[in-house]
Every structure is written in C-alpha cells, then in structure tokens.
C-alpha cells in the first residue's frame, strides 16, 4: 500500500499511533476473509467516487452490494 496513506492514517515518529501494529495485523487478516467469502458489486460502476479528508479519510458515492458466496 502507499506509504503516504499510512503516514496520514497513523502518524509518524514519536507521535505515531500506539495501535498501528494491531490495526495493520487486523487488516491483513480481515480483508482476505471478506474477499474470500463475499462478492462485491458496485451499484453504479460508472459513477465517480469522491474522497472527503477532514479528520478521517472517507469515500462518498461508494455504494455496493455484498452477497455471501455459496459455501463450497
């Protein structure tokens, strides 16, 4: 992932977030499980996404449908 994303999200140096390593560990476990178990489909694939960055980075106009994949 992009280095700048992590710097903005967790801070740098002596003021870095103390939960950074736990959060990164959770992301590396959660995201593969979501992709493995669910199908994601954008409601409007041609619509442009917008990003709002005030305190937290947040996407708007990002609506999707999530369906549980059949168990194999």
Foldseek 3Di string as FASTA:
>chain_A
DDPVVQCLPQNDDPRGHPCSVVVVVCCVPPPVVQVVFKDKAWPDVVDDWDWDPDPHIDIPPGDIDIDTDDDD
